[in-house]
mmCIF file of all heavy atoms, coordinates in Angstrom:
data_MODEL
# 
_entry.id   MODEL 
# 
loop_
_atom_site.group_PDB 
_atom_site.id 
_atom_site.type_symbol 
_atom_site.label_atom_id 
_atom_site.label_alt_id 
_atom_site.label_comp_id 
_atom_site.label_asym_id 
_atom_site.label_entity_id 
_atom_site.label_seq_id 
_atom_site.pdbx_PDB_ins_code 
_atom_site.Cartn_x 
_atom_site.Cartn_y 
_atom_site.Cartn_z 
_atom_site.occupancy 
_atom_site.B_iso_or_equiv 
_atom_site.pdbx_formal_charge 
_atom_site.auth_seq_id 
_atom_site.auth_comp_id 
_atom_site.auth_asym_id 
_atom_site.auth_atom_id 
_atom_site.pdbx_PDB_model_num 
ATOM 1   N N   . GLU A 1 1  ? -9.702  37.035 5.248   1.00 0.00 ? 1  GLU A N   1 
ATOM 2   C CA  . GLU A 1 1  ? -10.182 36.930 6.603   1.00 0.00 ? 1  GLU A CA  1 
ATOM 3   C C   . GLU A 1 1  ? -9.495  35.726 7.265   1.00 0.00 ? 1  GLU A C   1 
ATOM 4   O O   . GLU A 1 1  ? -9.178  34.718 6.601   1.00 0.00 ? 1  GLU A O   1 
ATOM 5   C CB  . GLU A 1 1  ? -11.690 36.775 6.615   1.00 0.00 ? 1  GLU A CB  1 
ATOM 6   C CG  . GLU A 1 1  ? -12.435 38.007 5.953   1.00 0.00 ? 1  GLU A CG  1 
ATOM 7   C CD  . GLU A 1 1  ? -13.918 37.866 6.061   1.00 0.00 ? 1  GLU A CD  1 
ATOM 8   O OE1 . GLU A 1 1  ? -14.459 37.818 7.172   1.00 0.00 ? 1  GLU A OE1 1 
ATOM 9   O OE2 . GLU A 1 1  ? -14.553 37.830 4.957   1.00 0.00 ? 1  GLU A OE2 1 
ATOM 10  N N   . ASN A 1 2  ? -9.321  35.796 8.548   1.00 0.00 ? 2  ASN A N   1 
ATOM 11  C CA  . ASN A 1 2  ? -8.518  34.882 9.321   1.00 0.00 ? 2  ASN A CA  1 
ATOM 12  C C   . ASN A 1 2  ? -9.266  33.567 9.650   1.00 0.00 ? 2  ASN A C   1 
ATOM 13  O O   . ASN A 1 2  ? -9.515  33.242 10.774  1.00 0.00 ? 2  ASN A O   1 
ATOM 14  C CB  . ASN A 1 2  ? -7.993  35.520 10.548  1.00 0.00 ? 2  ASN A CB  1 
ATOM 15  C CG  . ASN A 1 2  ? -6.838  34.702 11.200  1.00 0.00 ? 2  ASN A CG  1 
ATOM 16  O OD1 . ASN A 1 2  ? -6.129  33.968 10.505  1.00 0.00 ? 2  ASN A OD1 1 
ATOM 17  N ND2 . ASN A 1 2  ? -6.728  34.789 12.518  1.00 0.00 ? 2  ASN A ND2 1 
ATOM 18  N N   . THR A 1 3  ? -9.673  32.861 8.594   1.00 0.00 ? 3  THR A N   1 
ATOM 19  C CA  . THR A 1 3  ? -10.479 31.642 8.813   1.00 0.00 ? 3  THR A CA  1 
ATOM 20  C C   . THR A 1 3  ? -9.600  30.434 9.146   1.00 0.00 ? 3  THR A C   1 
ATOM 21  O O   . THR A 1 3  ? -10.084 29.407 9.713   1.00 0.00 ? 3  THR A O   1 
ATOM 22  C CB  . THR A 1 3  ? -11.237 31.274 7.511   1.00 0.00 ? 3  THR A CB  1 
ATOM 23  O OG1 . THR A 1 3  ? -10.333 31.262 6.383   1.00 0.00 ? 3  THR A OG1 1 
ATOM 24  C CG2 . THR A 1 3  ? -12.331 32.310 7.266   1.00 0.00 ? 3  THR A CG2 1 
ATOM 25  N N   . SER A 1 4  ? -8.268  30.411 8.759   1.00 0.00 ? 4  SER A N   1 
ATOM 26  C CA  . SER A 1 4  ? -7.550  29.150 8.784   1.00 0.00 ? 4  SER A CA  1 
ATOM 27  C C   . SER A 1 4  ? -6.122  29.302 9.250   1.00 0.00 ? 4  SER A C   1 
ATOM 28  O O   . SER A 1 4  ? -5.194  28.812 8.557   1.00 0.00 ? 4  SER A O   1 
ATOM 29  C CB  . SER A 1 4  ? -7.572  28.510 7.403   1.00 0.00 ? 4  SER A CB  1 
ATOM 30  O OG  . SER A 1 4  ? -7.135  29.458 6.392   1.00 0.00 ? 4  SER A OG  1 
ATOM 31  N N   . PRO A 1 5  ? -5.835  29.931 10.334  1.00 0.00 ? 5  PRO A N   1 
ATOM 32  C CA  . PRO A 1 5  ? -4.449  30.094 10.796  1.00 0.00 ? 5  PRO A CA  1 
ATOM 33  C C   . PRO A 1 5  ? -3.677  28.809 10.968  1.00 0.00 ? 5  PRO A C   1 
ATOM 34  O O   . PRO A 1 5  ? -2.452  28.737 10.693  1.00 0.00 ? 5  PRO A O   1 
ATOM 35  C CB  . PRO A 1 5  ? -4.527  30.901 12.133  1.00 0.00 ? 5  PRO A CB  1 
ATOM 36  C CG  . PRO A 1 5  ? -5.950  30.590 12.589  1.00 0.00 ? 5  PRO A CG  1 
ATOM 37  C CD  . PRO A 1 5  ? -6.755  30.458 11.404  1.00 0.00 ? 5  PRO A CD  1 
ATOM 38  N N   . VAL A 1 6  ? -4.305  27.773 11.461  1.00 0.00 ? 6  VAL A N   1 
ATOM 39  C CA  . VAL A 1 6  ? -3.620  26.479 11.683  1.00 0.00 ? 6  VAL A CA  1 
ATOM 40  C C   . VAL A 1 6  ? -3.223  25.867 10.339  1.00 0.00 ? 6  VAL A C   1 
ATOM 41  O O   . VAL A 1 6  ? -2.092  25.513 10.086  1.00 0.00 ? 6  VAL A O   1 
ATOM 42  C CB  . VAL A 1 6  ? -4.491  25.539 12.530  1.00 0.00 ? 6  VAL A CB  1 
ATOM 43  C CG1 . VAL A 1 6  ? -3.858  24.147 12.549  1.00 0.00 ? 6  VAL A CG1 1 
ATOM 44  C CG2 . VAL A 1 6  ? -4.631  26.107 13.933  1.00 0.00 ? 6  VAL A CG2 1 
ATOM 45  N N   . ILE A 1 7  ? -4.241  25.654 9.455   1.00 0.00 ? 7  ILE A N   1 
ATOM 46  C CA  . ILE A 1 7  ? -3.974  25.027 8.181   1.00 0.00 ? 7  ILE A CA  1 
ATOM 47  C C   . ILE A 1 7  ? -3.021  25.875 7.341   1.00 0.00 ? 7  ILE A C   1 
ATOM 48  O O   . ILE A 1 7  ? -2.146  25.352 6.679   1.00 0.00 ? 7  ILE A O   1 
ATOM 49  C CB  . ILE A 1 7  ? -5.291  24.790 7.434   1.00 0.00 ? 7  ILE A CB  1 
ATOM 50  C CG1 . ILE A 1 7  ? -6.141  23.851 8.180   1.00 0.00 ? 7  ILE A CG1 1 
ATOM 51  C CG2 . ILE A 1 7  ? -5.023  24.332 6.013   1.00 0.00 ? 7  ILE A CG2 1 
ATOM 52  C CD1 . ILE A 1 7  ? -7.559  23.583 7.610   1.00 0.00 ? 7  ILE A CD1 1 
ATOM 53  N N   . ASP A 1 8  ? -3.119  27.211 7.442   1.00 0.00 ? 8  ASP A N   1 
ATOM 54  C CA  . ASP A 1 8  ? -2.162  28.045 6.761   1.00 0.00 ? 8  ASP A CA  1 
ATOM 55  C C   . ASP A 1 8  ? -0.756  27.806 7.226   1.00 0.00 ? 8  ASP A C   1 
ATOM 56  O O   . ASP A 1 8  ? 0.222   27.712 6.382   1.00 0.00 ? 8  ASP A O   1 
ATOM 57  C CB  . ASP A 1 8  ? -2.513  29.554 7.003   1.00 0.00 ? 8  ASP A CB  1 
ATOM 58  C CG  . ASP A 1 8  ? -3.817  29.962 6.350   1.00 0.00 ? 8  ASP A CG  1 
ATOM 59  O OD1 . ASP A 1 8  ? -4.380  29.179 5.497   1.00 0.00 ? 8  ASP A OD1 1 
ATOM 60  O OD2 . ASP A 1 8  ? -4.333  31.002 6.689   1.00 0.00 ? 8  ASP A OD2 1 
ATOM 61  N N   . GLY A 1 9  ? -0.574  27.631 8.523   1.00 0.00 ? 9  GLY A N   1 
ATOM 62  C CA  . GLY A 1 9  ? 0.758   27.385 9.060   1.00 0.00 ? 9  GLY A CA  1 
ATOM 63  C C   . GLY A 1 9  ? 1.278   26.055 8.584   1.00 0.00 ? 9  GLY A C   1 
ATOM 64  O O   . GLY A 1 9  ? 2.492   25.943 8.244   1.00 0.00 ? 9  GLY A O   1 
ATOM 65  N N   . LEU A 1 10 ? 0.411   25.032 8.520   1.00 0.00 ? 10 LEU A N   1 
ATOM 66  C CA  . LEU A 1 10 ? 0.894   23.750 8.045   1.00 0.00 ? 10 LEU A CA  1 
ATOM 67  C C   . LEU A 1 10 ? 1.280   23.819 6.565   1.00 0.00 ? 10 LEU A C   1 
ATOM 68  O O   . LEU A 1 10 ? 2.292   23.238 6.161   1.00 0.00 ? 10 LEU A O   1 
ATOM 69  C CB  . LEU A 1 10 ? -0.239  22.670 8.167   1.00 0.00 ? 10 LEU A CB  1 
ATOM 70  C CG  . LEU A 1 10 ? -0.751  22.409 9.635   1.00 0.00 ? 10 LEU A CG  1 
ATOM 71  C CD1 . LEU A 1 10 ? -1.869  21.405 9.630   1.00 0.00 ? 10 LEU A CD1 1 
ATOM 72  C CD2 . LEU A 1 10 ? 0.386   21.934 10.526  1.00 0.00 ? 10 LEU A CD2 1 
ATOM 73  N N   . ALA A 1 11 ? 0.502   24.555 5.796   1.00 0.00 ? 11 ALA A N   1 
ATOM 74  C CA  . ALA A 1 11 ? 0.847   24.699 4.373   1.00 0.00 ? 11 ALA A CA  1 
ATOM 75  C C   . ALA A 1 11 ? 2.093   25.489 4.142   1.00 0.00 ? 11 ALA A C   1 
ATOM 76  O O   . ALA A 1 11 ? 2.881   25.095 3.252   1.00 0.00 ? 11 ALA A O   1 
ATOM 77  C CB  . ALA A 1 11 ? -0.357  25.446 3.694   1.00 0.00 ? 11 ALA A CB  1 
ATOM 78  N N   . ARG A 1 12 ? 2.373   26.487 4.949   1.00 0.00 ? 12 ARG A N   1 
ATOM 79  C CA  . ARG A 1 12 ? 3.628   27.226 4.814   1.00 0.00 ? 12 ARG A CA  1 
ATOM 80  C C   . ARG A 1 12 ? 4.868   26.361 5.134   1.00 0.00 ? 12 ARG A C   1 
ATOM 81  O O   . ARG A 1 12 ? 5.924   26.587 4.624   1.00 0.00 ? 12 ARG A O   1 
ATOM 82  C CB  . ARG A 1 12 ? 3.621   28.458 5.678   1.00 0.00 ? 12 ARG A CB  1 
ATOM 83  C CG  . ARG A 1 12 ? 2.594   29.556 5.286   1.00 0.00 ? 12 ARG A CG  1 
ATOM 84  C CD  . ARG A 1 12 ? 2.723   30.809 5.981   1.00 0.00 ? 12 ARG A CD  1 
ATOM 85  N NE  . ARG A 1 12 ? 1.697   31.777 5.582   1.00 0.00 ? 12 ARG A NE  1 
ATOM 86  C CZ  . ARG A 1 12 ? 0.580   31.997 6.261   1.00 0.00 ? 12 ARG A CZ  1 
ATOM 87  N NH1 . ARG A 1 12 ? 0.319   31.308 7.372   1.00 0.00 ? 12 ARG A NH1 1 
ATOM 88  N NH2 . ARG A 1 12 ? -0.305  32.849 5.812   1.00 0.00 ? 12 ARG A NH2 1 
ATOM 89  N N   . ARG A 1 13 ? 4.708   25.411 6.017   1.00 0.00 ? 13 ARG A N   1 
ATOM 90  C CA  . ARG A 1 13 ? 5.792   24.506 6.374   1.00 0.00 ? 13 ARG A CA  1 
ATOM 91  C C   . ARG A 1 13 ? 5.889   23.266 5.477   1.00 0.00 ? 13 ARG A C   1 
ATOM 92  O O   . ARG A 1 13 ? 6.827   22.499 5.598   1.00 0.00 ? 13 ARG A O   1 
ATOM 93  C CB  . ARG A 1 13 ? 5.718   24.142 7.827   1.00 0.00 ? 13 ARG A CB  1 
ATOM 94  C CG  . ARG A 1 13 ? 5.798   25.344 8.773   1.00 0.00 ? 13 ARG A CG  1 
ATOM 95  C CD  . ARG A 1 13 ? 6.049   24.947 10.177  1.00 0.00 ? 13 ARG A CD  1 
ATOM 96  N NE  . ARG A 1 13 ? 4.978   24.122 10.757  1.00 0.00 ? 13 ARG A NE  1 
ATOM 97  C CZ  . ARG A 1 13 ? 3.863   24.603 11.337  1.00 0.00 ? 13 ARG A CZ  1 
ATOM 98  N NH1 . ARG A 1 13 ? 3.664   25.888 11.372  1.00 0.00 ? 13 ARG A NH1 1 
ATOM 99  N NH2 . ARG A 1 13 ? 2.997   23.782 11.832  1.00 0.00 ? 13 ARG A NH2 1 
ATOM 100 N N   . GLY A 1 14 ? 4.829   23.061 4.671   1.00 0.00 ? 14 GLY A N   1 
ATOM 101 C CA  . GLY A 1 14 ? 4.816   21.861 3.874   1.00 0.00 ? 14 GLY A CA  1 
ATOM 102 C C   . GLY A 1 14 ? 4.732   22.189 2.423   1.00 0.00 ? 14 GLY A C   1 
ATOM 103 O O   . GLY A 1 14 ? 5.481   23.075 1.918   1.00 0.00 ? 14 GLY A O   1 
ATOM 104 N N   . VAL A 1 15 ? 3.893   21.443 1.680   1.00 0.00 ? 15 VAL A N   1 
ATOM 105 C CA  . VAL A 1 15 ? 3.733   21.668 0.207   1.00 0.00 ? 15 VAL A CA  1 
ATOM 106 C C   . VAL A 1 15 ? 2.278   21.983 -0.024  1.00 0.00 ? 15 VAL A C   1 
ATOM 107 O O   . VAL A 1 15 ? 1.362   21.266 0.363   1.00 0.00 ? 15 VAL A O   1 
ATOM 108 C CB  . VAL A 1 15 ? 4.119   20.393 -0.584  1.00 0.00 ? 15 VAL A CB  1 
ATOM 109 C CG1 . VAL A 1 15 ? 3.985   20.658 -2.079  1.00 0.00 ? 15 VAL A CG1 1 
ATOM 110 C CG2 . VAL A 1 15 ? 5.532   19.943 -0.282  1.00 0.00 ? 15 VAL A CG2 1 
ATOM 111 N N   . ASN A 1 16 ? 2.079   23.147 -0.671  1.00 0.00 ? 16 ASN A N   1 
ATOM 112 C CA  . ASN A 1 16 ? 0.722   23.636 -0.949  1.00 0.00 ? 16 ASN A CA  1 
ATOM 113 C C   . ASN A 1 16 ? 0.438   23.619 -2.425  1.00 0.00 ? 16 ASN A C   1 
ATOM 114 O O   . ASN A 1 16 ? 1.258   24.091 -3.229  1.00 0.00 ? 16 ASN A O   1 
ATOM 115 C CB  . ASN A 1 16 ? 0.558   25.070 -0.405  1.00 0.00 ? 16 ASN A CB  1 
ATOM 116 C CG  . ASN A 1 16 ? -0.846  25.580 -0.654  1.00 0.00 ? 16 ASN A CG  1 
ATOM 117 O OD1 . ASN A 1 16 ? -1.833  24.847 -0.584  1.00 0.00 ? 16 ASN A OD1 1 
ATOM 118 N ND2 . ASN A 1 16 ? -0.983  26.891 -0.923  1.00 0.00 ? 16 ASN A ND2 1 
ATOM 119 N N   . PHE A 1 17 ? -0.663  23.051 -2.802  1.00 0.00 ? 17 PHE A N   1 
ATOM 120 C CA  . PHE A 1 17 ? -1.122  23.017 -4.185  1.00 0.00 ? 17 PHE A CA  1 
ATOM 121 C C   . PHE A 1 17 ? -2.411  23.906 -4.295  1.00 0.00 ? 17 PHE A C   1 
ATOM 122 O O   . PHE A 1 17 ? -3.490  23.405 -4.047  1.00 0.00 ? 17 PHE A O   1 
ATOM 123 C CB  . PHE A 1 17 ? -1.468  21.575 -4.647  1.00 0.00 ? 17 PHE A CB  1 
ATOM 124 C CG  . PHE A 1 17 ? -0.275  20.668 -4.722  1.00 0.00 ? 17 PHE A CG  1 
ATOM 125 C CD1 . PHE A 1 17 ? 0.174   19.960 -3.614  1.00 0.00 ? 17 PHE A CD1 1 
ATOM 126 C CD2 . PHE A 1 17 ? 0.368   20.522 -5.934  1.00 0.00 ? 17 PHE A CD2 1 
ATOM 127 C CE1 . PHE A 1 17 ? 1.225   19.118 -3.692  1.00 0.00 ? 17 PHE A CE1 1 
ATOM 128 C CE2 . PHE A 1 17 ? 1.526   19.694 -6.048  1.00 0.00 ? 17 PHE A CE2 1 
ATOM 129 C CZ  . PHE A 1 17 ? 1.932   19.005 -4.902  1.00 0.00 ? 17 PHE A CZ  1 
ATOM 130 N N   . PRO A 1 18 ? -2.254  25.173 -4.608  1.00 0.00 ? 18 PRO A N   1 
ATOM 131 C CA  . PRO A 1 18 ? -3.399  26.059 -4.681  1.00 0.00 ? 18 PRO A CA  1 
ATOM 132 C C   . PRO A 1 18 ? -4.339  25.804 -5.801  1.00 0.00 ? 18 PRO A C   1 
ATOM 133 O O   . PRO A 1 18 ? -5.444  26.375 -5.814  1.00 0.00 ? 18 PRO A O   1 
ATOM 134 C CB  . PRO A 1 18 ? -2.771  27.477 -4.725  1.00 0.00 ? 18 PRO A CB  1 
ATOM 135 C CG  . PRO A 1 18 ? -1.411  27.208 -5.330  1.00 0.00 ? 18 PRO A CG  1 
ATOM 136 C CD  . PRO A 1 18 ? -0.977  25.888 -4.808  1.00 0.00 ? 18 PRO A CD  1 
ATOM 137 N N   . ARG A 1 19 ? -3.935  25.017 -6.815  1.00 0.00 ? 19 ARG A N   1 
ATOM 138 C CA  . ARG A 1 19 ? -4.797  24.675 -7.925  1.00 0.00 ? 19 ARG A CA  1 
ATOM 139 C C   . ARG A 1 19 ? -5.098  23.178 -7.984  1.00 0.00 ? 19 ARG A C   1 
ATOM 140 O O   . ARG A 1 19 ? -4.878  22.556 -9.016  1.00 0.00 ? 19 ARG A O   1 
ATOM 141 C CB  . ARG A 1 19 ? -4.164  25.190 -9.222  1.00 0.00 ? 19 ARG A CB  1 
ATOM 142 C CG  . ARG A 1 19 ? -3.913  26.722 -9.292  1.00 0.00 ? 19 ARG A CG  1 
ATOM 143 C CD  . ARG A 1 19 ? -3.451  27.068 -10.704 1.00 0.00 ? 19 ARG A CD  1 
ATOM 144 N NE  . ARG A 1 19 ? -4.458  26.752 -11.716 1.00 0.00 ? 19 ARG A NE  1 
ATOM 145 C CZ  . ARG A 1 19 ? -4.171  26.508 -13.016 1.00 0.00 ? 19 ARG A CZ  1 
ATOM 146 N NH1 . ARG A 1 19 ? -2.922  26.509 -13.420 1.00 0.00 ? 19 ARG A NH1 1 
ATOM 147 N NH2 . ARG A 1 19 ? -5.151  26.235 -13.811 1.00 0.00 ? 19 ARG A NH2 1 
ATOM 148 N N   . ALA A 1 20 ? -5.640  22.713 -6.943  1.00 0.00 ? 20 ALA A N   1 
ATOM 149 C CA  . ALA A 1 20 ? -6.049  21.304 -6.891  1.00 0.00 ? 20 ALA A CA  1 
ATOM 150 C C   . ALA A 1 20 ? -7.546  21.173 -7.145  1.00 0.00 ? 20 ALA A C   1 
ATOM 151 O O   . ALA A 1 20 ? -8.365  21.978 -6.766  1.00 0.00 ? 20 ALA A O   1 
ATOM 152 C CB  . ALA A 1 20 ? -5.701  20.632 -5.532  1.00 0.00 ? 20 ALA A CB  1 
ATOM 153 N N   . TYR A 1 21 ? -7.875  20.087 -7.839  1.00 0.00 ? 21 TYR A N   1 
ATOM 154 C CA  . TYR A 1 21 ? -9.255  19.865 -8.234  1.00 0.00 ? 21 TYR A CA  1 
ATOM 155 C C   . TYR A 1 21 ? -9.812  18.537 -7.735  1.00 0.00 ? 21 TYR A C   1 
ATOM 156 O O   . TYR A 1 21 ? -9.191  17.496 -7.901  1.00 0.00 ? 21 TYR A O   1 
ATOM 157 C CB  . TYR A 1 21 ? -9.412  19.887 -9.751  1.00 0.00 ? 21 TYR A CB  1 
ATOM 158 C CG  . TYR A 1 21 ? -9.272  21.301 -10.322 1.00 0.00 ? 21 TYR A CG  1 
ATOM 159 C CD1 . TYR A 1 21 ? -8.022  21.801 -10.691 1.00 0.00 ? 21 TYR A CD1 1 
ATOM 160 C CD2 . TYR A 1 21 ? -10.375 22.120 -10.551 1.00 0.00 ? 21 TYR A CD2 1 
ATOM 161 C CE1 . TYR A 1 21 ? -7.887  23.091 -11.227 1.00 0.00 ? 21 TYR A CE1 1 
ATOM 162 C CE2 . TYR A 1 21 ? -10.258 23.383 -11.055 1.00 0.00 ? 21 TYR A CE2 1 
ATOM 163 C CZ  . TYR A 1 21 ? -8.993  23.844 -11.373 1.00 0.00 ? 21 TYR A CZ  1 
ATOM 164 O OH  . TYR A 1 21 ? -8.856  25.142 -11.897 1.00 0.00 ? 21 TYR A OH  1 
ATOM 165 N N   . SER A 1 22 ? -11.004 18.575 -7.225  1.00 0.00 ? 22 SER A N   1 
ATOM 166 C CA  . SER A 1 22 ? -11.826 17.386 -7.021  1.00 0.00 ? 22 SER A CA  1 
ATOM 167 C C   . SER A 1 22 ? -12.366 16.992 -8.374  1.00 0.00 ? 22 SER A C   1 
ATOM 168 O O   . SER A 1 22 ? -12.488 17.858 -9.267  1.00 0.00 ? 22 SER A O   1 
ATOM 169 C CB  . SER A 1 22 ? -12.950 17.652 -6.030  1.00 0.00 ? 22 SER A CB  1 
ATOM 170 O OG  . SER A 1 22 ? -13.840 16.522 -5.954  1.00 0.00 ? 22 SER A OG  1 
ATOM 171 N N   . HIS A 1 23 ? -12.655 15.712 -8.552  1.00 0.00 ? 23 HIS A N   1 
ATOM 172 C CA  . HIS A 1 23 ? -13.118 15.268 -9.863  1.00 0.00 ? 23 HIS A CA  1 
ATOM 173 C C   . HIS A 1 23 ? -14.584 15.249 -10.051 1.00 0.00 ? 23 HIS A C   1 
ATOM 174 O O   . HIS A 1 23 ? -15.132 14.892 -11.102 1.00 0.00 ? 23 HIS A O   1 
ATOM 175 C CB  . HIS A 1 23 ? -12.481 13.921 -10.171 1.00 0.00 ? 23 HIS A CB  1 
ATOM 176 C CG  . HIS A 1 23 ? -10.989 14.019 -10.258 1.00 0.00 ? 23 HIS A CG  1 
ATOM 177 N ND1 . HIS A 1 23 ? -10.333 14.572 -11.261 1.00 0.00 ? 23 HIS A ND1 1 
ATOM 178 C CD2 . HIS A 1 23 ? -10.067 13.589 -9.326  1.00 0.00 ? 23 HIS A CD2 1 
ATOM 179 C CE1 . HIS A 1 23 ? -9.034  14.516 -11.032 1.00 0.00 ? 23 HIS A CE1 1 
ATOM 180 N NE2 . HIS A 1 23 ? -8.853  13.966 -9.850  1.00 0.00 ? 23 HIS A NE2 1 
ATOM 181 N N   . GLU A 1 24 ? -15.359 15.617 -9.048  1.00 0.00 ? 24 GLU A N   1 
ATOM 182 C CA  . GLU A 1 24 ? -16.815 15.943 -9.117  1.00 0.00 ? 24 GLU A CA  1 
ATOM 183 C C   . GLU A 1 24 ? -17.075 16.901 -7.988  1.00 0.00 ? 24 GLU A C   1 
ATOM 184 O O   . GLU A 1 24 ? -16.286 17.105 -7.120  1.00 0.00 ? 24 GLU A O   1 
ATOM 185 C CB  . GLU A 1 24 ? -17.663 14.686 -9.002  1.00 0.00 ? 24 GLU A CB  1 
ATOM 186 C CG  . GLU A 1 24 ? -18.362 14.281 -10.366 1.00 0.00 ? 24 GLU A CG  1 
ATOM 187 C CD  . GLU A 1 24 ? -19.274 15.392 -10.889 1.00 0.00 ? 24 GLU A CD  1 
ATOM 188 O OE1 . GLU A 1 24 ? -19.699 16.287 -10.152 1.00 0.00 ? 24 GLU A OE1 1 
ATOM 189 O OE2 . GLU A 1 24 ? -19.628 15.340 -12.084 1.00 0.00 ? 24 GLU A OE2 1 
ATOM 190 N N   . SER A 1 25 ? -18.322 17.443 -8.025  1.00 0.00 ? 25 SER A N   1 
ATOM 191 C CA  . SER A 1 25 ? -18.651 18.471 -7.040  1.00 0.00 ? 25 SER A CA  1 
ATOM 192 C C   . SER A 1 25 ? -19.555 17.963 -5.919  1.00 0.00 ? 25 SER A C   1 
ATOM 193 O O   . SER A 1 25 ? -20.208 18.762 -5.298  1.00 0.00 ? 25 SER A O   1 
ATOM 194 C CB  . SER A 1 25 ? -19.313 19.677 -7.747  1.00 0.00 ? 25 SER A CB  1 
ATOM 195 O OG  . SER A 1 25 ? -20.473 19.287 -8.419  1.00 0.00 ? 25 SER A OG  1 
ATOM 196 N N   . TYR A 1 26 ? -19.601 16.616 -5.781  1.00 0.00 ? 26 TYR A N   1 
ATOM 197 C CA  . TYR A 1 26 ? -20.308 16.077 -4.632  1.00 0.00 ? 26 TYR A CA  1 
ATOM 198 C C   . TYR A 1 26 ? -19.611 14.860 -4.135  1.00 0.00 ? 26 TYR A C   1 
ATOM 199 O O   . TYR A 1 26 ? -18.862 14.186 -4.866  1.00 0.00 ? 26 TYR A O   1 
ATOM 200 C CB  . TYR A 1 26 ? -21.804 15.818 -4.916  1.00 0.00 ? 26 TYR A CB  1 
ATOM 201 C CG  . TYR A 1 26 ? -22.069 14.855 -6.027  1.00 0.00 ? 26 TYR A CG  1 
ATOM 202 C CD1 . TYR A 1 26 ? -22.372 13.518 -5.731  1.00 0.00 ? 26 TYR A CD1 1 
ATOM 203 C CD2 . TYR A 1 26 ? -22.143 15.272 -7.317  1.00 0.00 ? 26 TYR A CD2 1 
ATOM 204 C CE1 . TYR A 1 26 ? -22.695 12.619 -6.753  1.00 0.00 ? 26 TYR A CE1 1 
ATOM 205 C CE2 . TYR A 1 26 ? -22.443 14.374 -8.327  1.00 0.00 ? 26 TYR A CE2 1 
ATOM 206 C CZ  . TYR A 1 26 ? -22.685 13.027 -8.087  1.00 0.00 ? 26 TYR A CZ  1 
ATOM 207 O OH  . TYR A 1 26 ? -23.012 12.183 -9.049  1.00 0.00 ? 26 TYR A OH  1 
ATOM 208 N N   . THR A 1 27 ? -19.820 14.511 -2.865  1.00 0.00 ? 27 THR A N   1 
ATOM 209 C CA  . THR A 1 27 ? -19.030 13.564 -2.116  1.00 0.00 ? 27 THR A CA  1 
ATOM 210 C C   . THR A 1 27 ? -19.075 12.176 -2.727  1.00 0.00 ? 27 THR A C   1 
ATOM 211 O O   . THR A 1 27 ? -18.034 11.495 -2.885  1.00 0.00 ? 27 THR A O   1 
ATOM 212 C CB  . THR A 1 27 ? -19.547 13.477 -0.666  1.00 0.00 ? 27 THR A CB  1 
ATOM 213 O OG1 . THR A 1 27 ? -19.534 14.764 -0.109  1.00 0.00 ? 27 THR A OG1 1 
ATOM 214 C CG2 . THR A 1 27 ? -18.733 12.507 0.151   1.00 0.00 ? 27 THR A CG2 1 
# 
């Protein structure tokens, strides 16, 4: 679904890490 056209465009022109992890699941 088209949730992120802007961020997708930035990622396509930059470097995308699709397997990035936060080190805990809360802020």
